[in-house]
Amino acid sequence: VQLVESGGGLVQPGGSLRLSCAASGFTFSKYGMTWYRQPPGKEREFVAAFTSPDGSTFYADSVKGRFTISRDNAKNTVYLQMNNLKPEDTAVYYCHTPRLGSWGQGTQVTVSS
C-alpha cells in the first residue's frame, strides 16, 4: 500500500490549493479515504473523509464550507480542494486509509501573507 500526497505550498490568506493523494497497492474504489493535518506543535487532527461505497462525506467543523473532498476511482486518487484558506490551516496534510492503517508522507501547506 502506498499513498503519495502532492499539491501543497505557500498561499496567501483567502487563496486556494488542491491537494492530491495517489494510491496504489490496493483496490482503491473499495476503501474510504480521509485527510488529516498536523499543525506545527499540535496533534494530528481529522479534516475530511469520503466513505465507500456509499460516497458519504464528512468534514471537521473548522473546514466545513471551505474544503471539499472528492475522489477519482479511475485514477486511484483522492483530492482535497481548499478554498478561502486561513493562517490556521497551516499544517502538514496527510491522506489515510482507516481500514488499512496506511498514511502518506504528507505535504506542507503554509498560509501566510
N, C-alpha and C. Protein backbone atom coordinates (compact mmCIF):
# COMPACT_ATOMS: atom_id res chain seq x y z
N VAL A 1 0.85 -1.19 0.00
CA VAL A 1 0.00 0.00 0.00
C VAL A 1 0.89 1.24 0.00
N GLN A 2 0.60 2.15 -0.92
CA GLN A 2 1.36 3.39 -0.97
C GLN A 2 0.41 4.56 -1.21
N LEU A 3 0.62 5.62 -0.45
CA LEU A 3 -0.14 6.85 -0.60
C LEU A 3 0.86 7.99 -0.78
N VAL A 4 0.69 8.78 -1.82
CA VAL A 4 1.63 9.86 -2.11
C VAL A 4 0.86 11.16 -2.30
N GLU A 5 1.05 12.08 -1.36
CA GLU A 5 0.37 13.37 -1.43
C GLU A 5 1.19 14.37 -2.26
N SER A 6 0.49 15.31 -2.85
CA SER A 6 1.13 16.39 -3.58
C SER A 6 0.20 17.59 -3.60
N GLY A 7 0.73 18.74 -4.01
CA GLY A 7 -0.10 19.92 -4.19
C GLY A 7 0.03 20.97 -3.11
N GLY A 8 0.80 20.70 -2.08
CA GLY A 8 0.99 21.69 -1.03
C GLY A 8 1.84 22.85 -1.50
N GLY A 9 1.93 23.86 -0.65
CA GLY A 9 2.74 25.02 -0.97
C GLY A 9 2.42 26.20 -0.10
N LEU A 10 2.92 27.36 -0.51
CA LEU A 10 2.68 28.61 0.20
C LEU A 10 1.57 29.38 -0.52
N VAL A 11 0.59 29.83 0.23
CA VAL A 11 -0.53 30.57 -0.35
C VAL A 11 -0.93 31.69 0.59
N GLN A 12 -1.43 32.77 0.03
CA GLN A 12 -1.87 33.89 0.85
C GLN A 12 -3.24 33.61 1.45
N PRO A 13 -3.56 34.24 2.57
CA PRO A 13 -4.90 34.09 3.14
C PRO A 13 -5.97 34.43 2.10
N GLY A 14 -7.03 33.59 2.08
CA GLY A 14 -8.08 33.76 1.09
C GLY A 14 -7.84 32.99 -0.19
N GLY A 15 -6.66 32.44 -0.34
CA GLY A 15 -6.32 31.70 -1.54
C GLY A 15 -6.82 30.27 -1.51
N SER A 16 -6.47 29.53 -2.57
CA SER A 16 -6.93 28.15 -2.73
C SER A 16 -5.76 27.23 -3.10
N LEU A 17 -5.90 25.99 -2.73
CA LEU A 17 -4.99 24.93 -3.13
C LEU A 17 -5.80 23.66 -3.33
N ARG A 18 -5.31 22.78 -4.19
CA ARG A 18 -5.90 21.45 -4.32
C ARG A 18 -4.82 20.41 -4.05
N LEU A 19 -5.05 19.63 -3.02
CA LEU A 19 -4.14 18.53 -2.70
C LEU A 19 -4.61 17.26 -3.40
N SER A 20 -3.64 16.44 -3.76
CA SER A 20 -3.93 15.13 -4.37
C SER A 20 -3.24 14.05 -3.57
N CYS A 21 -3.85 12.88 -3.57
CA CYS A 21 -3.24 11.72 -2.93
C CYS A 21 -3.40 10.55 -3.89
N ALA A 22 -2.29 10.10 -4.45
CA ALA A 22 -2.30 8.98 -5.38
C ALA A 22 -2.08 7.69 -4.60
N ALA A 23 -2.98 6.74 -4.80
CA ALA A 23 -2.96 5.49 -4.06
C ALA A 23 -2.56 4.33 -4.96
N SER A 24 -1.90 3.35 -4.37
CA SER A 24 -1.55 2.13 -5.12
C SER A 24 -1.40 0.99 -4.14
N GLY A 25 -1.51 -0.23 -4.68
CA GLY A 25 -1.30 -1.42 -3.87
C GLY A 25 -2.55 -2.00 -3.24
N PHE A 26 -3.71 -1.41 -3.53
CA PHE A 26 -4.97 -1.96 -3.02
C PHE A 26 -6.09 -1.52 -3.97
N THR A 27 -7.26 -2.13 -3.80
CA THR A 27 -8.41 -1.82 -4.65
C THR A 27 -9.04 -0.53 -4.15
N PHE A 28 -8.58 0.56 -4.70
CA PHE A 28 -8.89 1.91 -4.20
C PHE A 28 -10.39 2.15 -4.05
N SER A 29 -11.17 1.71 -5.02
CA SER A 29 -12.60 2.04 -5.03
C SER A 29 -13.36 1.42 -3.86
N LYS A 30 -12.79 0.43 -3.22
CA LYS A 30 -13.49 -0.27 -2.15
C LYS A 30 -13.21 0.31 -0.77
N TYR A 31 -12.37 1.32 -0.69
CA TYR A 31 -11.95 1.83 0.61
C TYR A 31 -12.28 3.30 0.79
N GLY A 32 -12.74 3.62 1.98
CA GLY A 32 -12.89 5.01 2.33
C GLY A 32 -11.53 5.68 2.46
N MET A 33 -11.50 6.99 2.21
CA MET A 33 -10.26 7.75 2.28
C MET A 33 -10.49 8.98 3.16
N THR A 34 -9.46 9.37 3.87
CA THR A 34 -9.56 10.53 4.74
C THR A 34 -8.35 11.44 4.56
N TRP A 35 -8.55 12.68 4.95
CA TRP A 35 -7.46 13.65 5.07
C TRP A 35 -7.34 14.07 6.53
N TYR A 36 -6.11 14.13 7.00
CA TYR A 36 -5.79 14.65 8.31
C TYR A 36 -4.75 15.76 8.13
N ARG A 37 -4.54 16.52 9.19
CA ARG A 37 -3.49 17.51 9.15
C ARG A 37 -2.85 17.64 10.53
N GLN A 38 -1.62 18.09 10.54
CA GLN A 38 -0.92 18.32 11.80
C GLN A 38 -0.31 19.71 11.78
N PRO A 39 -0.95 20.64 12.49
CA PRO A 39 -0.40 21.99 12.59
C PRO A 39 0.90 21.98 13.37
N PRO A 40 1.75 22.97 13.20
CA PRO A 40 3.02 23.00 13.93
C PRO A 40 2.80 22.98 15.44
N GLY A 41 3.44 22.05 16.12
CA GLY A 41 3.36 21.96 17.56
C GLY A 41 2.08 21.38 18.11
N LYS A 42 1.24 20.83 17.23
CA LYS A 42 -0.06 20.30 17.67
C LYS A 42 -0.22 18.85 17.25
N GLU A 43 -1.30 18.23 17.76
CA GLU A 43 -1.61 16.85 17.42
C GLU A 43 -2.20 16.79 16.01
N ARG A 44 -2.08 15.61 15.40
CA ARG A 44 -2.73 15.39 14.12
C ARG A 44 -4.25 15.41 14.32
N GLU A 45 -4.96 16.01 13.37
CA GLU A 45 -6.41 16.15 13.51
C GLU A 45 -7.12 15.78 12.22
N PHE A 46 -8.34 15.33 12.37
CA PHE A 46 -9.18 14.96 11.24
C PHE A 46 -9.60 16.19 10.46
N VAL A 47 -9.60 16.06 9.12
CA VAL A 47 -10.05 17.15 8.26
C VAL A 47 -11.29 16.76 7.48
N ALA A 48 -11.22 15.64 6.74
CA ALA A 48 -12.34 15.26 5.88
C ALA A 48 -12.25 13.78 5.55
N ALA A 49 -13.42 13.21 5.23
CA ALA A 49 -13.49 11.79 4.88
C ALA A 49 -14.46 11.58 3.74
N PHE A 50 -14.15 10.58 2.93
CA PHE A 50 -15.03 10.17 1.82
C PHE A 50 -15.21 8.67 1.99
N THR A 51 -16.39 8.26 2.41
CA THR A 51 -16.59 6.84 2.70
C THR A 51 -16.84 6.06 1.41
N SER A 52 -16.73 4.77 1.53
CA SER A 52 -17.00 3.88 0.41
C SER A 52 -17.77 2.69 0.94
N PRO A 53 -18.73 2.14 0.24
CA PRO A 53 -19.05 2.50 -1.13
C PRO A 53 -20.13 3.57 -1.29
N ASP A 54 -20.72 4.05 -0.17
CA ASP A 54 -21.87 4.93 -0.37
C ASP A 54 -21.50 6.36 -0.75
N GLY A 55 -20.20 6.73 -0.62
CA GLY A 55 -19.77 8.04 -1.07
C GLY A 55 -20.16 9.18 -0.16
N SER A 56 -20.48 8.91 1.09
CA SER A 56 -20.78 9.99 2.03
C SER A 56 -19.50 10.76 2.37
N THR A 57 -19.68 12.05 2.65
CA THR A 57 -18.53 12.88 3.03
C THR A 57 -18.75 13.49 4.41
N PHE A 58 -17.66 13.70 5.11
CA PHE A 58 -17.70 14.27 6.45
C PHE A 58 -16.55 15.27 6.57
N TYR A 59 -16.78 16.32 7.34
CA TYR A 59 -15.78 17.37 7.49
C TYR A 59 -15.66 17.81 8.95
N ALA A 60 -14.46 18.21 9.30
CA ALA A 60 -14.28 18.88 10.58
C ALA A 60 -15.00 20.22 10.53
N ASP A 61 -15.52 20.65 11.66
CA ASP A 61 -16.26 21.91 11.69
C ASP A 61 -15.39 23.08 11.22
N SER A 62 -14.11 23.01 11.48
CA SER A 62 -13.21 24.11 11.16
C SER A 62 -13.03 24.32 9.66
N VAL A 63 -13.35 23.31 8.85
CA VAL A 63 -13.15 23.43 7.41
C VAL A 63 -14.46 23.34 6.62
N LYS A 64 -15.54 23.06 7.30
CA LYS A 64 -16.83 22.88 6.62
C LYS A 64 -17.20 24.14 5.84
N GLY A 65 -17.59 23.95 4.59
CA GLY A 65 -17.95 25.07 3.75
C GLY A 65 -16.78 25.67 2.98
N ARG A 66 -15.56 25.29 3.34
CA ARG A 66 -14.37 25.80 2.65
C ARG A 66 -13.60 24.70 1.92
N PHE A 67 -13.60 23.49 2.48
CA PHE A 67 -12.85 22.38 1.90
C PHE A 67 -13.84 21.38 1.29
N THR A 68 -13.40 20.71 0.22
CA THR A 68 -14.21 19.68 -0.41
C THR A 68 -13.32 18.48 -0.71
N ILE A 69 -13.74 17.31 -0.23
CA ILE A 69 -13.04 16.07 -0.55
C ILE A 69 -13.74 15.40 -1.72
N SER A 70 -12.95 14.84 -2.62
CA SER A 70 -13.51 14.13 -3.76
C SER A 70 -12.55 13.01 -4.14
N ARG A 71 -13.00 12.14 -5.02
CA ARG A 71 -12.14 11.05 -5.44
C ARG A 71 -12.40 10.71 -6.89
N ASP A 72 -11.38 10.18 -7.55
CA ASP A 72 -11.48 9.69 -8.92
C ASP A 72 -11.00 8.25 -8.89
N ASN A 73 -11.94 7.31 -8.88
CA ASN A 73 -11.56 5.90 -8.76
C ASN A 73 -10.79 5.41 -9.99
N ALA A 74 -11.02 6.03 -11.14
CA ALA A 74 -10.29 5.63 -12.34
C ALA A 74 -8.81 5.99 -12.24
N LYS A 75 -8.51 7.02 -11.46
CA LYS A 75 -7.13 7.47 -11.28
C LYS A 75 -6.55 7.07 -9.93
N ASN A 76 -7.34 6.35 -9.14
CA ASN A 76 -6.90 5.95 -7.79
C ASN A 76 -6.38 7.14 -6.99
N THR A 77 -7.14 8.21 -7.04
CA THR A 77 -6.69 9.46 -6.43
C THR A 77 -7.82 10.09 -5.62
N VAL A 78 -7.48 10.61 -4.47
CA VAL A 78 -8.40 11.39 -3.66
C VAL A 78 -7.86 12.83 -3.60
N TYR A 79 -8.78 13.77 -3.61
CA TYR A 79 -8.41 15.19 -3.65
C TYR A 79 -8.96 15.93 -2.44
N LEU A 80 -8.33 17.04 -2.13
CA LEU A 80 -8.86 17.96 -1.13
C LEU A 80 -8.75 19.36 -1.71
N GLN A 81 -9.89 19.90 -2.11
CA GLN A 81 -9.95 21.27 -2.61
C GLN A 81 -10.11 22.19 -1.41
N MET A 82 -9.20 23.12 -1.25
CA MET A 82 -9.20 24.01 -0.09
C MET A 82 -9.34 25.45 -0.58
N ASN A 83 -10.44 26.08 -0.19
CA ASN A 83 -10.73 27.46 -0.58
C ASN A 83 -10.74 28.35 0.65
N ASN A 84 -10.62 29.65 0.41
CA ASN A 84 -10.65 30.62 1.50
C ASN A 84 -9.73 30.21 2.64
N LEU A 85 -8.50 29.92 2.30
CA LEU A 85 -7.56 29.43 3.29
C LEU A 85 -7.22 30.49 4.32
N LYS A 86 -7.00 30.02 5.53
CA LYS A 86 -6.69 30.88 6.67
C LYS A 86 -5.33 30.49 7.25
N PRO A 87 -4.68 31.40 7.94
CA PRO A 87 -3.39 31.05 8.55
C PRO A 87 -3.47 29.82 9.45
N GLU A 88 -4.60 29.62 10.11
CA GLU A 88 -4.74 28.46 10.99
C GLU A 88 -4.88 27.15 10.23
N ASP A 89 -4.96 27.20 8.91
CA ASP A 89 -4.95 25.99 8.10
C ASP A 89 -3.53 25.51 7.83
N THR A 90 -2.54 26.28 8.22
CA THR A 90 -1.15 25.87 8.04
C THR A 90 -0.88 24.57 8.78
N ALA A 91 -0.38 23.58 8.05
CA ALA A 91 -0.16 22.25 8.62
C ALA A 91 0.47 21.36 7.57
N VAL A 92 0.92 20.20 8.01
CA VAL A 92 1.26 19.12 7.09
C VAL A 92 -0.03 18.29 6.91
N TYR A 93 -0.41 18.09 5.67
CA TYR A 93 -1.64 17.37 5.35
C TYR A 93 -1.30 15.95 4.90
N TYR A 94 -2.05 14.99 5.46
CA TYR A 94 -1.82 13.58 5.20
C TYR A 94 -3.09 12.92 4.67
N CYS A 95 -2.96 12.00 3.74
CA CYS A 95 -4.09 11.15 3.43
C CYS A 95 -3.91 9.81 4.14
N HIS A 96 -5.04 9.13 4.34
CA HIS A 96 -5.07 7.98 5.25
C HIS A 96 -6.19 7.04 4.83
N THR A 97 -5.89 5.74 4.87
CA THR A 97 -6.92 4.74 4.65
C THR A 97 -7.19 4.07 6.00
N PRO A 98 -8.29 4.39 6.66
CA PRO A 98 -8.51 3.87 8.01
C PRO A 98 -8.51 2.35 8.09
N ARG A 99 -9.13 1.70 7.14
CA ARG A 99 -9.25 0.24 7.23
C ARG A 99 -7.91 -0.46 7.02
N LEU A 100 -6.99 0.18 6.30
CA LEU A 100 -5.68 -0.43 6.05
C LEU A 100 -4.61 0.13 6.99
N GLY A 101 -4.95 1.22 7.65
CA GLY A 101 -3.99 1.82 8.58
C GLY A 101 -2.81 2.49 7.91
N SER A 102 -2.96 2.85 6.63
CA SER A 102 -1.83 3.43 5.89
C SER A 102 -1.90 4.94 5.86
N TRP A 103 -0.71 5.55 5.87
CA TRP A 103 -0.57 7.01 5.81
C TRP A 103 0.40 7.39 4.69
N GLY A 104 0.18 8.53 4.10
CA GLY A 104 1.15 9.08 3.18
C GLY A 104 2.25 9.81 3.94
N GLN A 105 3.19 10.40 3.19
CA GLN A 105 4.31 11.08 3.82
C GLN A 105 3.98 12.52 4.19
N GLY A 106 2.87 13.02 3.67
CA GLY A 106 2.43 14.37 3.99
C GLY A 106 2.90 15.41 2.99
N THR A 107 2.13 16.50 2.92
CA THR A 107 2.50 17.64 2.09
C THR A 107 2.25 18.92 2.90
N GLN A 108 3.20 19.84 2.86
CA GLN A 108 3.14 21.04 3.68
C GLN A 108 2.27 22.09 3.01
N VAL A 109 1.35 22.64 3.79
CA VAL A 109 0.54 23.78 3.36
C VAL A 109 0.82 24.93 4.32
N THR A 110 1.23 26.06 3.78
CA THR A 110 1.52 27.24 4.58
C THR A 110 0.67 28.39 4.06
N VAL A 111 -0.12 28.96 4.96
CA VAL A 111 -0.98 30.09 4.60
C VAL A 111 -0.43 31.32 5.32
N SER A 112 0.10 32.23 4.53
CA SER A 112 0.75 33.40 5.12
C SER A 112 0.84 34.51 4.09
N SER A 113 0.77 35.74 4.58
CA SER A 113 0.94 36.89 3.70
C SER A 113 2.40 37.34 3.69
